[in-house]
Amino acid sequence: DENYILTQKWKASNMKSKSSFLRHLI
C-alpha cells in the first residue's frame, strides 16, 4: 500500500524519477 501511494504521488508530480521526488520531499 505504501509503495502504491508513493508511486501515485510520484507520477502526479511529473518528476523524472522517484529519487528526485523523494529528495524534493526530504
PDB file of all heavy atoms in Angstrom:
ATOM      1  N   ASP A   1       0.830  -1.211   0.000  1.00  0.00           N
ATOM      2  CA  ASP A   1       0.000   0.000   0.000  1.00  0.00           C
ATOM      3  C   ASP A   1       0.862   1.259   0.000  1.00  0.00           C
ATOM      4  O   ASP A   1       0.583   2.214  -0.734  1.00  0.00           O
ATOM      5  CB  ASP A   1      -0.934   0.023   1.210  1.00  0.00           C
ATOM      6  CG  ASP A   1      -2.017  -1.036   1.122  1.00  0.00           C
ATOM      7  OD1 ASP A   1      -2.291  -1.528   0.008  1.00  0.00           O
ATOM      8  OD2 ASP A   1      -2.594  -1.368   2.177  1.00  0.00           O
ATOM      9  N   GLU A   2       1.899   1.269   0.826  1.00  0.00           N
ATOM     10  CA  GLU A   2       2.784   2.436   0.885  1.00  0.00           C
ATOM     11  C   GLU A   2       3.483   2.664  -0.449  1.00  0.00           C
ATOM     12  O   GLU A   2       3.615   3.801  -0.914  1.00  0.00           O
ATOM     13  CB  GLU A   2       3.813   2.258   1.999  1.00  0.00           C
ATOM     14  CG  GLU A   2       3.226   2.313   3.391  1.00  0.00           C
ATOM     15  CD  GLU A   2       4.174   1.815   4.460  1.00  0.00           C
ATOM     16  OE1 GLU A   2       5.114   1.046   4.152  1.00  0.00           O
ATOM     17  OE2 GLU A   2       3.976   2.208   5.626  1.00  0.00           O
ATOM     18  N   ASN A   3       3.925   1.565  -1.075  1.00  0.00           N
ATOM     19  CA  ASN A   3       4.588   1.678  -2.373  1.00  0.00           C
ATOM     20  C   ASN A   3       3.615   2.202  -3.431  1.00  0.00           C
ATOM     21  O   ASN A   3       3.981   3.025  -4.264  1.00  0.00           O
ATOM     22  CB  ASN A   3       5.174   0.332  -2.798  1.00  0.00           C
ATOM     23  CG  ASN A   3       6.004   0.475  -4.050  1.00  0.00           C
ATOM     24  OD1 ASN A   3       6.886   1.324  -4.120  1.00  0.00           O
ATOM     25  ND2 ASN A   3       5.712  -0.343  -5.047  1.00  0.00           N
ATOM     26  N   TYR A   4       2.371   1.750  -3.380  1.00  0.00           N
ATOM     27  CA  TYR A   4       1.360   2.223  -4.324  1.00  0.00           C
ATOM     28  C   TYR A   4       1.134   3.728  -4.157  1.00  0.00           C
ATOM     29  O   TYR A   4       1.099   4.474  -5.134  1.00  0.00           O
ATOM     30  CB  TYR A   4       0.049   1.455  -4.119  1.00  0.00           C
ATOM     31  CG  TYR A   4      -1.078   1.964  -4.984  1.00  0.00           C
ATOM     32  CD1 TYR A   4      -1.152   1.604  -6.323  1.00  0.00           C
ATOM     33  CD2 TYR A   4      -2.036   2.822  -4.469  1.00  0.00           C
ATOM     34  CE1 TYR A   4      -2.173   2.083  -7.133  1.00  0.00           C
ATOM     35  CE2 TYR A   4      -3.065   3.306  -5.263  1.00  0.00           C
ATOM     36  CZ  TYR A   4      -3.134   2.926  -6.594  1.00  0.00           C
ATOM     37  OH  TYR A   4      -4.135   3.405  -7.392  1.00  0.00           O
ATOM     38  N   ILE A   5       1.002   4.163  -2.909  1.00  0.00           N
ATOM     39  CA  ILE A   5       0.792   5.594  -2.629  1.00  0.00           C
ATOM     40  C   ILE A   5       1.992   6.407  -3.108  1.00  0.00           C
ATOM     41  O   ILE A   5       1.827   7.451  -3.749  1.00  0.00           O
ATOM     42  CB  ILE A   5       0.526   5.817  -1.128  1.00  0.00           C
ATOM     43  CG1 ILE A   5      -0.822   5.217  -0.746  1.00  0.00           C
ATOM     44  CG2 ILE A   5       0.569   7.301  -0.783  1.00  0.00           C
ATOM     45  CD1 ILE A   5      -1.062   5.123   0.743  1.00  0.00           C
ATOM     46  N   LEU A   6       3.200   5.926  -2.805  1.00  0.00           N
ATOM     47  CA  LEU A   6       4.408   6.618  -3.254  1.00  0.00           C
ATOM     48  C   LEU A   6       4.427   6.731  -4.776  1.00  0.00           C
ATOM     49  O   LEU A   6       4.684   7.800  -5.329  1.00  0.00           O
ATOM     50  CB  LEU A   6       5.661   5.891  -2.758  1.00  0.00           C
ATOM     51  CG  LEU A   6       6.995   6.404  -3.323  1.00  0.00           C
ATOM     52  CD1 LEU A   6       7.231   7.860  -2.942  1.00  0.00           C
ATOM     53  CD2 LEU A   6       8.127   5.520  -2.862  1.00  0.00           C
ATOM     54  N   THR A   7       4.125   5.653  -5.449  1.00  0.00           N
ATOM     55  CA  THR A   7       4.150   5.652  -6.912  1.00  0.00           C
ATOM     56  C   THR A   7       3.112   6.616  -7.482  1.00  0.00           C
ATOM     57  O   THR A   7       3.401   7.367  -8.419  1.00  0.00           O
ATOM     58  CB  THR A   7       3.907   4.226  -7.443  1.00  0.00           C
ATOM     59  OG1 THR A   7       4.918   3.366  -6.909  1.00  0.00           O
ATOM     60  CG2 THR A   7       3.952   4.183  -8.959  1.00  0.00           C
ATOM     61  N   GLN A   8       1.915   6.619  -6.906  1.00  0.00           N
ATOM     62  CA  GLN A   8       0.869   7.522  -7.394  1.00  0.00           C
ATOM     63  C   GLN A   8       1.263   8.982  -7.186  1.00  0.00           C
ATOM     64  O   GLN A   8       1.067   9.822  -8.066  1.00  0.00           O
ATOM     65  CB  GLN A   8      -0.466   7.229  -6.697  1.00  0.00           C
ATOM     66  CG  GLN A   8      -1.040   5.866  -7.028  1.00  0.00           C
ATOM     67  CD  GLN A   8      -1.192   5.642  -8.522  1.00  0.00           C
ATOM     68  OE1 GLN A   8      -1.766   6.454  -9.215  1.00  0.00           O
ATOM     69  NE2 GLN A   8      -0.635   4.545  -9.008  1.00  0.00           N
ATOM     70  N   LYS A   9       1.812   9.293  -6.032  1.00  0.00           N
ATOM     71  CA  LYS A   9       2.229  10.672  -5.755  1.00  0.00           C
ATOM     72  C   LYS A   9       3.398  11.077  -6.651  1.00  0.00           C
ATOM     73  O   LYS A   9       3.469  12.215  -7.122  1.00  0.00           O
ATOM     74  CB  LYS A   9       2.587  10.847  -4.279  1.00  0.00           C
ATOM     75  CG  LYS A   9       1.364  10.818  -3.388  1.00  0.00           C
ATOM     76  CD  LYS A   9       1.710  11.111  -1.953  1.00  0.00           C
ATOM     77  CE  LYS A   9       0.448  11.162  -1.106  1.00  0.00           C
ATOM     78  NZ  LYS A   9       0.706  11.609   0.249  1.00  0.00           N
ATOM     79  N   TRP A  10       4.308  10.150  -6.881  1.00  0.00           N
ATOM     80  CA  TRP A  10       5.438  10.438  -7.760  1.00  0.00           C
ATOM     81  C   TRP A  10       4.941  10.714  -9.181  1.00  0.00           C
ATOM     82  O   TRP A  10       5.345  11.695  -9.808  1.00  0.00           O
ATOM     83  CB  TRP A  10       6.427   9.272  -7.739  1.00  0.00           C
ATOM     84  CG  TRP A  10       7.409   9.292  -8.874  1.00  0.00           C
ATOM     85  CD1 TRP A  10       8.269  10.301  -9.182  1.00  0.00           C
ATOM     86  CD2 TRP A  10       7.617   8.276  -9.843  1.00  0.00           C
ATOM     87  NE1 TRP A  10       9.012   9.965 -10.288  1.00  0.00           N
ATOM     88  CE2 TRP A  10       8.624   8.727 -10.716  1.00  0.00           C
ATOM     89  CE3 TRP A  10       7.058   7.029 -10.053  1.00  0.00           C
ATOM     90  CZ2 TRP A  10       9.078   7.959 -11.793  1.00  0.00           C
ATOM     91  CZ3 TRP A  10       7.512   6.261 -11.112  1.00  0.00           C
ATOM     92  CH2 TRP A  10       8.512   6.739 -11.970  1.00  0.00           C
ATOM     93  N   LYS A  11       4.032   9.872  -9.692  1.00  0.00           N
ATOM     94  CA  LYS A  11       3.503  10.066 -11.048  1.00  0.00           C
ATOM     95  C   LYS A  11       2.764  11.397 -11.158  1.00  0.00           C
ATOM     96  O   LYS A  11       2.872  12.098 -12.164  1.00  0.00           O
ATOM     97  CB  LYS A  11       2.571   8.915 -11.422  1.00  0.00           C
ATOM     98  CG  LYS A  11       3.312   7.626 -11.721  1.00  0.00           C
ATOM     99  CD  LYS A  11       2.346   6.515 -12.072  1.00  0.00           C
ATOM    100  CE  LYS A  11       3.081   5.219 -12.346  1.00  0.00           C
ATOM    101  NZ  LYS A  11       2.161   4.110 -12.629  1.00  0.00           N
ATOM    102  N   ALA A  12       2.015  11.746 -10.107  1.00  0.00           N
ATOM    103  CA  ALA A  12       1.266  13.010 -10.121  1.00  0.00           C
ATOM    104  C   ALA A  12       2.194  14.216 -10.107  1.00  0.00           C
ATOM    105  O   ALA A  12       1.821  15.301 -10.570  1.00  0.00           O
ATOM    106  CB  ALA A  12       0.313  13.066  -8.929  1.00  0.00           C
ATOM    107  N   SER A  13       3.400  14.042  -9.599  1.00  0.00           N
ATOM    108  CA  SER A  13       4.337  15.163  -9.508  1.00  0.00           C
ATOM    109  C   SER A  13       5.003  15.477 -10.841  1.00  0.00           C
ATOM    110  O   SER A  13       5.585  16.537 -11.002  1.00  0.00           O
ATOM    111  CB  SER A  13       5.417  14.852  -8.470  1.00  0.00           C
ATOM    112  OG  SER A  13       6.339  13.903  -8.996  1.00  0.00           O
ATOM    113  N   ASN A  14       4.956  14.553 -11.786  1.00  0.00           N
ATOM    114  CA  ASN A  14       5.614  14.705 -13.092  1.00  0.00           C
ATOM    115  C   ASN A  14       7.129  14.868 -12.977  1.00  0.00           C
ATOM    116  O   ASN A  14       7.761  15.433 -13.865  1.00  0.00           O
ATOM    117  CB  ASN A  14       5.022  15.880 -13.885  1.00  0.00           C
ATOM    118  CG  ASN A  14       3.607  15.602 -14.314  1.00  0.00           C
ATOM    119  OD1 ASN A  14       3.268  14.484 -14.680  1.00  0.00           O
ATOM    120  ND2 ASN A  14       2.770  16.614 -14.261  1.00  0.00           N
ATOM    121  N   MET A  15       7.698  14.381 -11.895  1.00  0.00           N
ATOM    122  CA  MET A  15       9.158  14.418 -11.750  1.00  0.00           C
ATOM    123  C   MET A  15       9.736  13.227 -12.511  1.00  0.00           C
ATOM    124  O   MET A  15       9.070  12.213 -12.713  1.00  0.00           O
ATOM    125  CB  MET A  15       9.560  14.391 -10.289  1.00  0.00           C
ATOM    126  CG  MET A  15       9.120  15.636  -9.548  1.00  0.00           C
ATOM    127  SD  MET A  15       9.717  15.667  -7.869  1.00  0.00           S
ATOM    128  CE  MET A  15      10.786  17.065  -7.953  1.00  0.00           C
ATOM    129  N   LYS A  16      11.017  13.359 -12.903  1.00  0.00           N
ATOM    130  CA  LYS A  16      11.645  12.345 -13.747  1.00  0.00           C
ATOM    131  C   LYS A  16      11.850  11.013 -13.038  1.00  0.00           C
ATOM    132  O   LYS A  16      11.728   9.956 -13.642  1.00  0.00           O
ATOM    133  CB  LYS A  16      12.980  12.851 -14.273  1.00  0.00           C
ATOM    134  CG  LYS A  16      12.844  13.988 -15.244  1.00  0.00           C
ATOM    135  CD  LYS A  16      14.201  14.431 -15.734  1.00  0.00           C
ATOM    136  CE  LYS A  16      14.054  15.615 -16.669  1.00  0.00           C
ATOM    137  NZ  LYS A  16      15.347  16.066 -17.172  1.00  0.00           N
ATOM    138  N   SER A  17      12.190  11.063 -11.761  1.00  0.00           N
ATOM    139  CA  SER A  17      12.491   9.815 -11.059  1.00  0.00           C
ATOM    140  C   SER A  17      11.942   9.851  -9.640  1.00  0.00           C
ATOM    141  O   SER A  17      11.700  10.919  -9.080  1.00  0.00           O
ATOM    142  CB  SER A  17      14.007   9.584 -11.013  1.00  0.00           C
ATOM    143  OG  SER A  17      14.602  10.548 -10.167  1.00  0.00           O
ATOM    144  N   LYS A  18      11.773   8.658  -9.085  1.00  0.00           N
ATOM    145  CA  LYS A  18      11.347   8.575  -7.689  1.00  0.00           C
ATOM    146  C   LYS A  18      12.416   9.175  -6.779  1.00  0.00           C
ATOM    147  O   LYS A  18      12.103   9.777  -5.759  1.00  0.00           O
ATOM    148  CB  LYS A  18      11.074   7.128  -7.278  1.00  0.00           C
ATOM    149  CG  LYS A  18       9.721   6.617  -7.680  1.00  0.00           C
ATOM    150  CD  LYS A  18       9.470   5.245  -7.080  1.00  0.00           C
ATOM    151  CE  LYS A  18       8.178   4.666  -7.594  1.00  0.00           C
ATOM    152  NZ  LYS A  18       7.946   3.316  -7.084  1.00  0.00           N
ATOM    153  N   SER A  19      13.674   9.000  -7.148  1.00  0.00           N
ATOM    154  CA  SER A  19      14.753   9.555  -6.328  1.00  0.00           C
ATOM    155  C   SER A  19      14.642  11.061  -6.223  1.00  0.00           C
ATOM    156  O   SER A  19      14.755  11.631  -5.134  1.00  0.00           O
ATOM    157  CB  SER A  19      16.116   9.182  -6.916  1.00  0.00           C
ATOM    158  OG  SER A  19      16.343   7.810  -6.765  1.00  0.00           O
ATOM    159  N   SER A  20      14.414  11.729  -7.349  1.00  0.00           N
ATOM    160  CA  SER A  20      14.297  13.188  -7.302  1.00  0.00           C
ATOM    161  C   SER A  20      13.041  13.599  -6.548  1.00  0.00           C
ATOM    162  O   SER A  20      13.039  14.592  -5.811  1.00  0.00           O
ATOM    163  CB  SER A  20      14.307  13.787  -8.706  1.00  0.00           C
ATOM    164  OG  SER A  20      13.231  13.303  -9.471  1.00  0.00           O
ATOM    165  N   PHE A  21      11.971  12.821  -6.687  1.00  0.00           N
ATOM    166  CA  PHE A  21      10.738  13.097  -5.955  1.00  0.00           C
ATOM    167  C   PHE A  21      10.977  12.992  -4.447  1.00  0.00           C
ATOM    168  O   PHE A  21      10.608  13.883  -3.681  1.00  0.00           O
ATOM    169  CB  PHE A  21       9.640  12.121  -6.391  1.00  0.00           C
ATOM    170  CG  PHE A  21       8.362  12.248  -5.621  1.00  0.00           C
ATOM    171  CD1 PHE A  21       7.512  13.323  -5.817  1.00  0.00           C
ATOM    172  CD2 PHE A  21       7.998  11.273  -4.702  1.00  0.00           C
ATOM    173  CE1 PHE A  21       6.326  13.436  -5.105  1.00  0.00           C
ATOM    174  CE2 PHE A  21       6.826  11.381  -3.994  1.00  0.00           C
ATOM    175  CZ  PHE A  21       5.982  12.467  -4.194  1.00  0.00           C
ATOM    176  N   LEU A  22      11.637  11.927  -4.013  1.00  0.00           N
ATOM    177  CA  LEU A  22      11.914  11.732  -2.588  1.00  0.00           C
ATOM    178  C   LEU A  22      12.880  12.791  -2.058  1.00  0.00           C
ATOM    179  O   LEU A  22      12.705  13.282  -0.937  1.00  0.00           O
ATOM    180  CB  LEU A  22      12.460  10.330  -2.339  1.00  0.00           C
ATOM    181  CG  LEU A  22      11.430   9.214  -2.518  1.00  0.00           C
ATOM    182  CD1 LEU A  22      12.104   7.849  -2.505  1.00  0.00           C
ATOM    183  CD2 LEU A  22      10.359   9.295  -1.457  1.00  0.00           C
ATOM    184  N   ARG A  23      13.890  13.157  -2.852  1.00  0.00           N
ATOM    185  CA  ARG A  23      14.797  14.232  -2.425  1.00  0.00           C
ATOM    186  C   ARG A  23      14.033  15.531  -2.225  1.00  0.00           C
ATOM    187  O   ARG A  23      14.253  16.255  -1.249  1.00  0.00           O
ATOM    188  CB  ARG A  23      15.917  14.431  -3.447  1.00  0.00           C
ATOM    189  CG  ARG A  23      17.114  13.547  -3.241  1.00  0.00           C
ATOM    190  CD  ARG A  23      18.301  13.991  -4.069  1.00  0.00           C
ATOM    191  NE  ARG A  23      18.004  14.119  -5.488  1.00  0.00           N
ATOM    192  CZ  ARG A  23      18.049  13.112  -6.361  1.00  0.00           C
ATOM    193  NH1 ARG A  23      18.380  11.901  -5.953  1.00  0.00           N
ATOM    194  NH2 ARG A  23      17.775  13.310  -7.622  1.00  0.00           N
ATOM    195  N   HIS A  24      13.117  15.819  -3.137  1.00  0.00           N
ATOM    196  CA  HIS A  24      12.312  17.039  -3.020  1.00  0.00           C
ATOM    197  C   HIS A  24      11.477  17.006  -1.740  1.00  0.00           C
ATOM    198  O   HIS A  24      11.379  18.012  -1.028  1.00  0.00           O
ATOM    199  CB  HIS A  24      11.415  17.195  -4.249  1.00  0.00           C
ATOM    200  CG  HIS A  24      10.636  18.473  -4.249  1.00  0.00           C
ATOM    201  ND1 HIS A  24      11.177  19.662  -4.671  1.00  0.00           N
ATOM    202  CD2 HIS A  24       9.378  18.750  -3.861  1.00  0.00           C
ATOM    203  CE1 HIS A  24      10.284  20.615  -4.546  1.00  0.00           C
ATOM    204  NE2 HIS A  24       9.172  20.085  -4.061  1.00  0.00           N
ATOM    205  N   LEU A  25      10.878  15.850  -1.439  1.00  0.00           N
ATOM    206  CA  LEU A  25      10.102  15.729  -0.206  1.00  0.00           C
ATOM    207  C   LEU A  25      10.982  15.925   1.025  1.00  0.00           C
ATOM    208  O   LEU A  25      10.586  16.582   1.986  1.00  0.00           O
ATOM    209  CB  LEU A  25       9.417  14.360  -0.128  1.00  0.00           C
ATOM    210  CG  LEU A  25       8.192  14.162  -0.996  1.00  0.00           C
ATOM    211  CD1 LEU A  25       7.684  12.733  -0.856  1.00  0.00           C
ATOM    212  CD2 LEU A  25       7.101  15.132  -0.619  1.00  0.00           C
ATOM    213  N   ILE A  26      12.178  15.364   0.994  1.00  0.00           N
ATOM    214  CA  ILE A  26      13.084  15.495   2.139  1.00  0.00           C
ATOM    215  C   ILE A  26      13.487  16.954   2.334  1.00  0.00           C
ATOM    216  O   ILE A  26      13.504  17.463   3.452  1.00  0.00           O
ATOM    217  CB  ILE A  26      14.330  14.601   1.946  1.00  0.00           C
ATOM    218  CG1 ILE A  26      13.935  13.128   2.063  1.00  0.00           C
ATOM    219  CG2 ILE A  26      15.423  14.949   2.945  1.00  0.00           C
ATOM    220  CD1 ILE A  26      15.004  12.166   1.593  1.00  0.00           C
TER     221      ILE A  26
END
